[in-house]
Amino acid sequence: MNFAEKGPINQKVFSEKSRYPEGGRACYFLYHYFCCTQYGFTHPVYPHTGFIAATMKDHLVKWEFYSSDKDMNLIFERFYENPEELEAMENYLNKTSADGVKKLSAFASVQLSDRLLKEAFENYFESYWSLMVTAGTLRTLDRMVVKNLRKVFGSSKNADQLIALSAVPAKPAYSVKEELAILYLAAKINTGLIKAGSAEYENEIDKIKSEFCFGPLGYFNEKPKNFSAYDAGIKEALKNNPQKMLDDKEKIFSKDESARSALAETLDENGRKLMKMAAMAAYLKDLYKYSVNKIQYHAEFLFSALSKNSGKPIDFIKDLHPKEILDLLNGVMPDEKNVLERVKHNVVLAIPGQMETLLGADAEKFEKVYLSLDSNSSKMKEFKGRIASKGYGRGVVKIVRSPSEFNKLNASDVLVVTNTSPDFVAIMKKAAAIIAEDGGITAHVSVISREFGIPCVVGIRDATDIFQDGDMVEVDAERGVVKIIKRGRD
């Protein structure tokens, strides 16, 4: 790929589209930029119709999506008219991931010359981008499926709950598969089939590790799980009854499947078709993140090699533009002052065929015009979102934007996030309830909160700015309402 930017962009085009929050998190510039490239560079199989504006301040990123119903409907109709396209995307993700890992593994097994290291990075970038483009397609599909399901369930008081039920993934999320694998192994130990600490035990953990260890990876400095993490998970499961925990999980899956089947029987062909789309899209979104994490995990040796060759820290390299990395491989050192300024504050804009990175005053001006917080939000005490997982929770707000803030959350606190990713699962389980900015049915926070039975309301724009650490809130995930009981600063 040629990563040369084609700008400047006429910023007025952003005022002509509807704005949707796309989530956010801690992020190196490289991955922040890659998330935007899916909109700025047209993919032959999964082209996008929308725009993206992404702000970054000291590694904290928020992505904002701009589009129109007319444009998004083009993608929706493609998959609605041809449901087999969703299975084709599953095959595409699996093949692209497998091919990418195979190529990276071949480079990892040889002595890397400068030429081979550059070729390896080019292969990595191509694989990463080729996986990334499916995320934007799935998010667009997500929005249009929800809109059409609302028409189907419009007369029901429980429309949000029915939409959430419709979007139970067609296959279990990978974080759930990982938990089941741990419980299966713990159950074998508990019944004496495998002895803890034996060679067979270590081999079984290595199998789980090889399949799931990269799950916690995000876009920043998250680390994969090691043997000790899985060993600790087994020991924790053995404190309870792992077989009963497995049985309880099976009951939940069975109950959801029965409820989905019963709901589908009440719908016409259109409704059943939309339900299948929702379930498959939710699964594919999880498969996408699993696939891109796998590529990232297997590419880590490239950054170590470039760091050794260039004398630059890995963290610095991951804050470079992809073109700057390729230039560095050719011996051209980046402007370090510009890199640091960019990390401190930038806005990446992307529309089909064009990308532009704004810095300093230009970034601030764009944010003020197009991304300013609704002035009424700070005065409101009650907010309406969408139910992702039923229930009720009350507690003290803890805003978590990155893994470095995980230790803020205590049991019974209310977790407030832009969105979550697999590395958030451990703290999600501790929360009394979850509030999220991202409102998609395929969003990780929507899928996982339901699978673990955590009350969750999503789609509250700018939640991480509206709420503050220490606020006491009620999360009514039966109605999709969050109420501030007392401000922490009061």
Protein backbone atom coordinates (compact mmCIF):
# COMPACT_ATOMS: atom_id res chain seq x y z
CA MET A 1 0.00 0.00 0.00
CA ASN A 2 1.04 3.57 -0.63
CA PHE A 3 0.32 5.44 2.61
CA ALA A 4 0.97 8.89 1.21
CA GLU A 5 -1.80 11.22 2.37
CA LYS A 6 -3.96 13.05 -0.14
CA GLY A 7 -5.21 16.27 1.46
CA PRO A 8 -6.17 18.79 2.56
CA ILE A 9 -9.79 17.73 3.01
CA ASN A 10 -12.67 20.17 2.67
CA GLN A 11 -13.84 19.97 6.28
CA LYS A 12 -17.34 21.20 5.44
CA VAL A 13 -18.19 17.69 4.21
CA PHE A 14 -18.33 16.60 7.86
CA SER A 15 -21.21 18.99 8.54
CA GLU A 16 -23.22 17.35 5.75
CA LYS A 17 -23.33 13.94 7.45
CA SER A 18 -24.79 12.58 10.67
CA ARG A 19 -22.23 11.94 13.42
CA TYR A 20 -21.96 8.65 15.31
CA PRO A 21 -19.51 7.88 18.14
CA GLU A 22 -17.26 4.98 17.17
CA GLY A 23 -15.70 4.38 20.56
CA GLY A 24 -12.15 5.03 21.69
CA ARG A 25 -9.31 3.88 23.91
CA ALA A 26 -5.60 4.18 24.61
CA CYS A 27 -3.74 3.82 21.34
CA TYR A 28 -0.38 4.22 19.67
CA PHE A 29 -0.46 6.54 16.67
CA LEU A 30 0.28 3.68 14.26
CA TYR A 31 -2.93 1.79 15.15
CA HIS A 32 -4.94 4.99 15.52
CA TYR A 33 -3.95 5.82 11.95
CA PHE A 34 -4.65 2.30 10.69
CA CYS A 35 -8.18 2.45 12.11
CA CYS A 36 -8.75 5.48 9.90
CA THR A 37 -7.14 4.10 6.74
CA GLN A 38 -10.11 1.83 6.11
CA TYR A 39 -12.09 4.95 5.23
CA GLY A 40 -9.33 6.85 3.40
CA PHE A 41 -8.17 3.97 1.17
CA THR A 42 -10.75 2.01 -0.80
CA HIS A 43 -10.71 -1.76 -0.35
CA PRO A 44 -11.77 -3.83 -3.40
CA VAL A 45 -14.05 -6.17 -1.40
CA TYR A 46 -15.17 -4.02 1.55
CA PRO A 47 -15.32 -0.38 0.43
CA HIS A 48 -16.78 2.16 2.87
CA THR A 49 -19.23 4.97 2.27
CA GLY A 50 -18.65 7.08 5.39
CA PHE A 51 -16.07 9.47 6.81
CA ILE A 52 -14.01 9.27 9.99
CA ALA A 53 -12.62 11.94 12.31
CA ALA A 54 -10.39 10.66 15.12
CA THR A 55 -8.90 12.72 17.93
CA MET A 56 -5.80 11.72 19.84
CA LYS A 57 -4.52 13.37 23.01
CA ASP A 58 -1.59 11.79 24.81
CA HIS A 59 -2.45 8.34 23.41
CA LEU A 60 -6.17 8.57 24.26
CA VAL A 61 -8.21 8.30 21.07
CA LYS A 62 -11.84 8.82 20.14
CA TRP A 63 -13.18 7.90 16.70
CA GLU A 64 -16.24 9.65 15.25
CA PHE A 65 -18.05 8.22 12.21
CA TYR A 66 -19.94 10.42 9.73
CA SER A 67 -22.44 9.10 7.22
CA SER A 68 -26.04 9.24 6.00
CA ASP A 69 -28.79 6.62 6.02
CA LYS A 70 -28.67 6.61 2.23
CA ASP A 71 -24.95 5.77 2.17
CA MET A 72 -25.15 3.21 4.99
CA ASN A 73 -28.12 1.55 3.33
CA LEU A 74 -25.92 0.64 0.37
CA ILE A 75 -23.89 -1.63 2.65
CA PHE A 76 -26.98 -2.93 4.45
CA GLU A 77 -28.71 -3.90 1.20
CA ARG A 78 -25.62 -5.76 0.01
CA PHE A 79 -25.79 -8.14 2.98
CA TYR A 80 -29.57 -8.21 3.30
CA GLU A 81 -30.02 -9.24 -0.32
CA ASN A 82 -27.11 -11.69 -0.17
CA PRO A 83 -26.94 -13.27 3.33
CA GLU A 84 -24.18 -15.60 2.12
CA GLU A 85 -21.92 -12.51 2.11
CA LEU A 86 -21.67 -12.83 5.90
CA GLU A 87 -20.34 -16.38 5.63
CA ALA A 88 -17.99 -15.11 2.93
CA MET A 89 -16.67 -12.50 5.37
CA GLU A 90 -16.04 -15.22 7.95
CA ASN A 91 -13.98 -17.12 5.37
CA TYR A 92 -12.21 -13.90 4.36
CA LEU A 93 -11.22 -13.12 7.97
CA ASN A 94 -10.00 -16.65 8.64
CA LYS A 95 -8.02 -16.85 5.40
CA THR A 96 -6.51 -13.36 5.67
CA SER A 97 -5.47 -14.03 9.26
CA ALA A 98 -4.02 -17.47 8.47
CA ASP A 99 -2.13 -16.19 5.42
CA GLY A 100 -0.77 -13.22 7.38
CA VAL A 101 0.43 -15.39 10.27
CA LYS A 102 2.02 -17.87 7.82
CA LYS A 103 3.97 -15.09 6.11
CA LEU A 104 5.08 -13.56 9.41
CA SER A 105 6.15 -16.96 10.72
CA ALA A 106 8.30 -17.48 7.62
CA PHE A 107 10.07 -14.17 8.28
CA ALA A 108 10.48 -15.03 11.98
CA SER A 109 12.39 -18.20 11.10
CA VAL A 110 15.19 -16.52 9.11
CA GLN A 111 17.89 -13.94 9.71
CA LEU A 112 16.30 -10.63 8.76
CA SER A 113 18.32 -8.43 6.43
CA ASP A 114 17.23 -4.80 5.98
CA ARG A 115 15.48 -5.82 2.76
CA LEU A 116 13.64 -8.73 4.37
CA LEU A 117 12.64 -6.64 7.39
CA LYS A 118 11.09 -4.04 5.11
CA GLU A 119 9.30 -6.75 3.13
CA ALA A 120 8.02 -8.26 6.39
CA PHE A 121 6.67 -4.90 7.58
CA GLU A 122 4.95 -4.34 4.23
CA ASN A 123 3.30 -7.77 4.52
CA TYR A 124 2.25 -7.00 8.09
CA PHE A 125 0.74 -3.64 7.15
CA GLU A 126 -1.15 -5.20 4.23
CA SER A 127 -2.53 -8.03 6.41
CA TYR A 128 -3.48 -5.68 9.23
CA TRP A 129 -5.28 -3.26 6.93
CA SER A 130 -7.00 -6.09 5.05
CA LEU A 131 -8.49 -7.29 8.36
CA MET A 132 -9.23 -3.78 9.62
CA VAL A 133 -11.56 -2.89 6.73
CA THR A 134 -14.16 -5.43 7.87
CA ALA A 135 -14.63 -3.55 11.16
CA GLY A 136 -16.05 -0.47 9.45
CA THR A 137 -18.34 -2.60 7.29
CA LEU A 138 -19.65 -4.43 10.37
CA ARG A 139 -20.23 -1.20 12.29
CA THR A 140 -22.22 0.24 9.43
CA LEU A 141 -24.20 -2.98 9.11
CA ASP A 142 -24.75 -2.89 12.87
CA ARG A 143 -26.43 0.52 12.76
CA MET A 144 -28.73 -0.34 9.88
CA VAL A 145 -29.73 -3.72 11.34
CA VAL A 146 -30.67 -1.98 14.62
CA LYS A 147 -32.68 0.61 12.72
CA ASN A 148 -34.59 -2.07 10.84
CA LEU A 149 -35.12 -4.23 13.93
CA ARG A 150 -36.63 -1.19 15.66
CA LYS A 151 -39.24 -1.16 12.91
CA VAL A 152 -39.90 -4.85 13.54
CA PHE A 153 -40.19 -4.44 17.33
CA GLY A 154 -41.48 -0.87 17.28
CA SER A 155 -44.76 -1.57 19.07
CA SER A 156 -43.09 -3.49 21.90
CA LYS A 157 -42.17 -1.88 25.22
CA ASN A 158 -39.19 -4.22 25.30
CA ALA A 159 -37.75 -3.32 21.90
CA ASP A 160 -34.20 -2.83 23.24
CA GLN A 161 -34.24 -6.18 25.01
CA LEU A 162 -35.52 -7.93 21.89
CA ILE A 163 -32.81 -6.30 19.79
CA ALA A 164 -30.19 -7.42 22.32
CA LEU A 165 -31.57 -10.97 22.17
CA SER A 166 -31.49 -10.88 18.38
CA ALA A 167 -27.80 -9.95 18.51
CA VAL A 168 -26.62 -12.86 20.66
CA PRO A 169 -23.58 -13.98 18.61
CA ALA A 170 -24.12 -16.87 16.21
CA LYS A 171 -21.08 -18.48 17.85
CA PRO A 172 -19.61 -17.83 21.34
CA ALA A 173 -17.21 -14.91 21.72
CA TYR A 174 -13.54 -15.85 21.98
CA SER A 175 -13.31 -14.58 25.57
CA VAL A 176 -16.13 -16.99 26.42
CA LYS A 177 -14.40 -19.84 24.55
CA GLU A 178 -11.27 -19.10 26.55
CA GLU A 179 -13.16 -19.22 29.85
CA LEU A 180 -14.80 -22.50 28.86
CA ALA A 181 -11.41 -23.99 27.98
CA ILE A 182 -10.08 -23.04 31.42
CA LEU A 183 -13.14 -24.52 33.15
CA TYR A 184 -12.89 -27.76 31.11
CA LEU A 185 -9.29 -28.20 32.18
CA ALA A 186 -10.11 -27.34 35.81
CA ALA A 187 -12.95 -29.90 35.76
CA LYS A 188 -10.55 -32.60 34.51
CA ILE A 189 -8.16 -31.81 37.33
CA ASN A 190 -11.00 -31.79 39.85
CA THR A 191 -12.04 -35.32 38.81
CA GLY A 192 -8.48 -36.63 38.69
CA LEU A 193 -8.28 -37.09 34.93
CA ILE A 194 -5.27 -34.74 34.80
CA LYS A 195 -2.85 -33.99 37.60
CA ALA A 196 -2.04 -30.33 38.28
CA GLY A 197 1.64 -29.57 37.61
CA SER A 198 2.16 -32.63 35.40
CA ALA A 199 3.62 -32.53 31.89
CA GLU A 200 0.14 -33.23 30.52
CA TYR A 201 -1.23 -30.29 32.53
CA GLU A 202 1.42 -27.95 31.17
CA ASN A 203 0.75 -29.18 27.65
CA GLU A 204 -2.97 -28.46 28.01
CA ILE A 205 -2.27 -24.94 29.26
CA ASP A 206 0.11 -24.37 26.35
CA LYS A 207 -2.72 -25.33 23.96
CA ILE A 208 -5.06 -22.78 25.57
CA LYS A 209 -2.29 -20.18 25.58
CA SER A 210 -1.48 -20.63 21.89
CA GLU A 211 -5.12 -20.17 20.93
CA PHE A 212 -6.13 -17.31 23.22
CA CYS A 213 -3.09 -15.55 24.72
CA PHE A 214 -3.33 -12.55 22.37
CA GLY A 215 -6.94 -11.84 23.39
CA PRO A 216 -6.02 -8.97 25.76
CA LEU A 217 -4.12 -7.07 23.07
CA GLY A 218 -5.58 -3.74 22.08
CA TYR A 219 -3.97 -0.85 20.26
CA PHE A 220 -1.57 0.27 22.98
CA ASN A 221 0.87 -1.47 25.34
CA GLU A 222 -1.34 -4.35 26.45
CA LYS A 223 0.49 -7.65 26.97
CA PRO A 224 -0.50 -11.18 25.92
CA LYS A 225 -1.30 -13.71 28.65
CA ASN A 226 1.49 -15.96 29.81
CA PHE A 227 1.54 -19.46 31.31
CA SER A 228 1.29 -18.08 34.86
CA ALA A 229 -1.93 -16.21 34.05
CA TYR A 230 -3.62 -19.41 32.87
CA ASP A 231 -2.22 -21.42 35.76
CA ALA A 232 -3.71 -18.84 38.16
CA GLY A 233 -7.03 -19.01 36.33
CA ILE A 234 -7.15 -22.79 36.75
CA LYS A 235 -6.38 -22.53 40.47
CA GLU A 236 -9.09 -19.90 40.92
CA ALA A 237 -11.65 -22.12 39.17
CA LEU A 238 -10.69 -25.04 41.41
CA LYS A 239 -11.70 -23.03 44.49
CA ASN A 240 -15.29 -23.52 43.31
CA ASN A 241 -16.90 -26.34 41.37
CA PRO A 242 -15.66 -26.00 37.78
CA GLN A 243 -18.10 -28.61 36.44
CA LYS A 244 -21.04 -26.74 37.97
CA MET A 245 -19.71 -23.50 36.49
CA LEU A 246 -19.59 -25.22 33.09
CA ASP A 247 -23.12 -26.53 33.52
CA ASP A 248 -24.34 -23.06 34.49
CA LYS A 249 -22.75 -21.61 31.35
CA GLU A 250 -24.43 -24.26 29.20
CA LYS A 251 -27.78 -23.40 30.80
CA ILE A 252 -27.32 -19.74 29.95
CA PHE A 253 -26.44 -20.56 26.33
CA SER A 254 -29.39 -22.95 26.08
CA LYS A 255 -31.75 -20.39 27.59
CA ASP A 256 -30.62 -17.70 25.14
CA GLU A 257 -30.96 -20.08 22.20
CA SER A 258 -34.47 -21.11 23.27
CA ALA A 259 -35.49 -17.48 23.74
CA ARG A 260 -34.07 -16.56 20.31
CA SER A 261 -35.89 -19.44 18.64
CA ALA A 262 -39.16 -18.51 20.32
CA LEU A 263 -38.76 -14.88 19.26
CA ALA A 264 -37.96 -15.87 15.65
CA GLU A 265 -41.16 -17.91 15.46
CA THR A 266 -43.21 -14.76 16.14
CA LEU A 267 -41.64 -12.85 13.23
CA ASP A 268 -42.14 -12.77 9.50
CA GLU A 269 -39.41 -13.63 7.00
CA ASN A 270 -37.95 -10.11 7.14
CA GLY A 271 -37.69 -10.19 10.93
CA ARG A 272 -36.07 -13.62 10.96
CA LYS A 273 -33.62 -12.50 8.30
CA LEU A 274 -32.66 -9.43 10.34
CA MET A 275 -32.17 -11.56 13.46
CA LYS A 276 -29.77 -13.86 11.59
CA MET A 277 -27.87 -10.84 10.29
CA ALA A 278 -27.58 -9.40 13.80
CA ALA A 279 -26.33 -12.67 15.29
CA MET A 280 -23.79 -13.26 12.52
CA ALA A 281 -22.55 -9.65 12.55
CA ALA A 282 -21.97 -9.85 16.32
CA TYR A 283 -19.94 -13.02 15.90
CA LEU A 284 -17.95 -11.58 12.98
CA LYS A 285 -17.06 -8.45 14.95
CA ASP A 286 -15.54 -10.67 17.64
CA LEU A 287 -13.78 -12.79 15.00
CA TYR A 288 -12.34 -9.62 13.46
CA LYS A 289 -10.80 -8.50 16.78
CA TYR A 290 -9.47 -12.00 17.45
CA SER A 291 -7.93 -12.07 13.96
CA VAL A 292 -6.32 -8.64 14.10
CA ASN A 293 -4.93 -9.37 17.59
CA LYS A 294 -3.42 -12.59 16.27
CA ILE A 295 -1.64 -10.75 13.48
CA GLN A 296 -0.42 -8.11 15.91
CA TYR A 297 0.92 -10.76 18.30
CA HIS A 298 2.83 -12.58 15.56
CA ALA A 299 4.30 -9.30 14.24
CA GLU A 300 5.82 -8.15 17.51
CA PHE A 301 9.25 -9.50 16.57
CA LEU A 302 9.36 -6.97 13.70
CA PHE A 303 9.25 -4.03 16.09
CA SER A 304 11.97 -5.59 18.25
CA ALA A 305 14.16 -6.05 15.17
CA LEU A 306 13.60 -2.48 13.95
CA SER A 307 14.24 -1.13 17.44
CA LYS A 308 17.56 -2.98 17.57
CA ASN A 309 18.56 -1.79 14.08
CA SER A 310 17.51 1.83 14.54
CA GLY A 311 18.26 2.35 18.23
CA LYS A 312 14.73 3.69 18.73
CA PRO A 313 12.42 2.32 21.47
CA ILE A 314 9.51 0.14 20.37
CA ASP A 315 7.03 2.59 21.91
CA PHE A 316 8.46 5.36 19.75
CA ILE A 317 8.29 3.22 16.61
CA LYS A 318 4.63 2.43 17.27
CA ASP A 319 3.92 6.16 17.42
CA LEU A 320 5.13 6.60 13.85
CA HIS A 321 3.07 6.96 10.69
CA PRO A 322 3.30 3.73 8.61
CA LYS A 323 5.20 5.64 5.92
CA GLU A 324 7.67 6.87 8.55
CA ILE A 325 8.32 3.26 9.59
CA LEU A 326 9.04 2.29 5.98
CA ASP A 327 11.30 5.36 5.66
CA LEU A 328 13.10 4.37 8.88
CA LEU A 329 13.75 0.96 7.33
CA ASN A 330 15.47 2.86 4.51
CA GLY A 331 17.63 4.74 7.01
CA VAL A 332 15.60 7.96 7.07
CA MET A 333 15.12 9.10 10.66
CA PRO A 334 11.76 10.69 11.54
CA ASP A 335 11.40 14.21 12.93
CA GLU A 336 11.18 13.36 16.63
CA LYS A 337 9.80 16.76 17.59
CA ASN A 338 6.97 16.34 15.10
CA VAL A 339 6.25 12.82 16.38
CA LEU A 340 5.97 14.04 19.98
CA GLU A 341 3.78 16.97 18.96
CA ARG A 342 1.50 14.64 17.01
CA VAL A 343 1.08 12.26 19.94
CA LYS A 344 0.27 15.16 22.24
CA HIS A 345 -2.67 16.19 20.06
CA ASN A 346 -3.82 15.31 16.55
CA VAL A 347 -6.96 14.74 14.53
CA VAL A 348 -6.90 12.28 11.64
CA LEU A 349 -9.54 12.88 8.97
CA ALA A 350 -10.44 10.27 6.36
CA ILE A 351 -12.94 10.31 3.51
CA PRO A 352 -12.91 8.00 0.48
CA GLY A 353 -9.65 8.65 -1.38
CA GLN A 354 -8.28 11.24 1.06
CA MET A 355 -6.61 11.40 4.46
CA GLU A 356 -5.21 14.30 6.43
CA THR A 357 -3.61 14.66 9.86
CA LEU A 358 -4.23 17.92 11.74
CA LEU A 359 -1.93 19.12 14.53
CA GLY A 360 -1.97 21.87 17.15
CA ALA A 361 -4.25 24.82 16.40
CA ASP A 362 -5.71 23.10 13.32
CA ALA A 363 -6.74 20.09 15.42
CA GLU A 364 -8.24 22.32 18.12
CA LYS A 365 -10.22 24.29 15.54
CA PHE A 366 -11.69 21.14 13.99
CA GLU A 367 -12.68 19.78 17.40
CA LYS A 368 -14.36 23.04 18.37
CA VAL A 369 -16.43 23.18 15.18
CA TYR A 370 -17.28 19.50 14.66
CA LEU A 371 -16.68 17.59 17.89
CA SER A 372 -17.77 19.92 20.70
CA LEU A 373 -19.69 18.46 23.64
CA ASP A 374 -23.40 19.28 23.85
CA SER A 375 -23.57 22.18 26.32
CA ASN A 376 -26.80 20.83 27.83
CA SER A 377 -25.22 17.49 28.78
CA SER A 378 -23.43 18.91 31.82
CA LYS A 379 -26.77 20.10 33.25
CA MET A 380 -28.68 16.87 32.74
CA LYS A 381 -29.23 14.28 35.46
CA GLU A 382 -30.85 11.52 33.40
CA PHE A 383 -29.68 9.94 30.14
CA LYS A 384 -31.37 7.51 27.77
CA GLY A 385 -29.34 4.86 26.00
CA ARG A 386 -29.94 1.38 24.63
CA ILE A 387 -30.20 -1.78 26.70
CA ALA A 388 -27.32 -4.14 25.95
CA SER A 389 -27.84 -6.42 28.95
CA LYS A 390 -30.84 -6.37 31.28
CA GLY A 391 -30.61 -5.64 34.98
CA TYR A 392 -30.17 -2.91 37.55
CA GLY A 393 -27.05 -1.52 39.16
CA ARG A 394 -26.16 1.31 41.46
CA GLY A 395 -22.70 2.46 42.44
CA VAL A 396 -19.84 4.93 42.21
CA VAL A 397 -18.66 5.85 38.72
CA LYS A 398 -15.16 4.89 37.64
CA ILE A 399 -14.14 6.05 34.17
CA VAL A 400 -11.66 3.66 32.55
CA ARG A 401 -10.09 4.67 29.25
CA SER A 402 -7.14 2.27 29.18
CA PRO A 403 -5.66 -0.76 30.96
CA SER A 404 -3.46 1.59 33.01
CA GLU A 405 -6.66 2.64 34.81
CA PHE A 406 -7.99 -0.87 35.54
CA ASN A 407 -6.93 -0.63 39.17
CA LYS A 408 -9.40 2.23 39.71
CA LEU A 409 -12.39 -0.11 39.58
CA ASN A 410 -13.55 -1.75 42.80
CA ALA A 411 -16.20 -4.44 43.11
CA SER A 412 -19.68 -2.83 42.96
CA ASP A 413 -18.44 0.28 41.11
CA VAL A 414 -20.13 1.36 37.86
CA LEU A 415 -17.74 1.10 34.92
CA VAL A 416 -17.95 3.95 32.37
CA VAL A 417 -16.13 3.43 29.06
CA THR A 418 -16.10 4.52 25.46
CA ASN A 419 -16.08 0.84 24.54
CA THR A 420 -14.32 -2.28 25.77
CA SER A 421 -12.05 -4.90 24.22
CA PRO A 422 -11.02 -8.39 25.37
CA ASP A 423 -8.47 -7.02 27.86
CA PHE A 424 -11.36 -5.35 29.75
CA VAL A 425 -13.16 -8.63 30.52
CA ALA A 426 -11.55 -9.13 33.95
CA ILE A 427 -12.71 -5.76 35.26
CA MET A 428 -16.09 -5.97 33.52
CA LYS A 429 -16.90 -8.97 35.71
CA LYS A 430 -16.32 -6.83 38.83
CA ALA A 431 -18.64 -4.00 37.82
CA ALA A 432 -22.10 -3.46 39.32
CA ALA A 433 -23.10 -2.12 35.90
CA ILE A 434 -21.56 -0.71 32.73
CA ILE A 435 -22.24 2.51 30.81
CA ALA A 436 -20.71 2.84 27.33
CA GLU A 437 -20.57 5.45 24.59
CA ASP A 438 -20.51 2.90 21.77
CA GLY A 439 -24.05 1.77 21.09
CA GLY A 440 -23.60 -0.99 18.53
CA ILE A 441 -25.09 -4.46 18.94
CA THR A 442 -21.80 -5.88 17.66
CA ALA A 443 -19.70 -3.80 20.08
CA HIS A 444 -17.59 -5.86 22.47
CA VAL A 445 -19.23 -4.23 25.48
CA SER A 446 -22.70 -5.20 24.22
CA VAL A 447 -21.80 -8.81 23.51
CA ILE A 448 -19.76 -9.52 26.64
CA SER A 449 -22.01 -7.72 29.14
CA ARG A 450 -24.88 -9.93 28.00
CA GLU A 451 -22.85 -13.14 28.05
CA PHE A 452 -21.71 -12.44 31.62
CA GLY A 453 -25.06 -11.05 32.81
CA ILE A 454 -23.80 -7.55 33.70
CA PRO A 455 -26.41 -4.73 33.56
CA CYS A 456 -25.31 -2.51 30.69
CA VAL A 457 -26.63 0.61 28.95
CA VAL A 458 -24.84 1.69 25.77
CA GLY A 459 -25.07 4.50 23.25
CA ILE A 460 -24.73 7.42 25.70
CA ARG A 461 -22.69 9.89 23.71
CA ASP A 462 -19.72 11.49 25.49
CA ALA A 463 -20.37 9.41 28.62
CA THR A 464 -16.68 9.53 29.61
CA ASP A 465 -16.91 13.35 29.58
CA ILE A 466 -20.40 13.70 31.10
CA PHE A 467 -19.83 11.43 34.09
CA GLN A 468 -16.96 11.87 36.53
CA ASP A 469 -15.13 9.58 38.92
CA GLY A 470 -17.02 9.57 42.21
CA ASP A 471 -20.49 10.25 40.79
CA MET A 472 -23.19 8.04 42.33
CA VAL A 473 -25.44 6.69 39.57
CA GLU A 474 -28.30 4.30 38.98
CA VAL A 475 -28.19 2.15 35.86
CA ASP A 476 -31.66 0.92 34.95
CA ALA A 477 -30.91 -1.56 32.19
CA GLU A 478 -34.56 -2.61 32.12
CA ARG A 479 -35.46 0.78 30.61
CA GLY A 480 -32.08 1.89 29.22
CA VAL A 481 -31.85 4.85 31.60
CA VAL A 482 -28.89 6.15 33.62
CA LYS A 483 -29.57 8.62 36.43
CA ILE A 484 -27.06 10.69 38.38
CA ILE A 485 -28.00 10.45 42.08
CA LYS A 486 -25.17 12.62 43.36
CA ARG A 487 -22.22 14.29 41.74
CA GLY A 488 -18.88 13.25 43.19
CA ARG A 489 -17.80 16.87 43.44
CA ASP A 490 -20.90 17.87 45.48
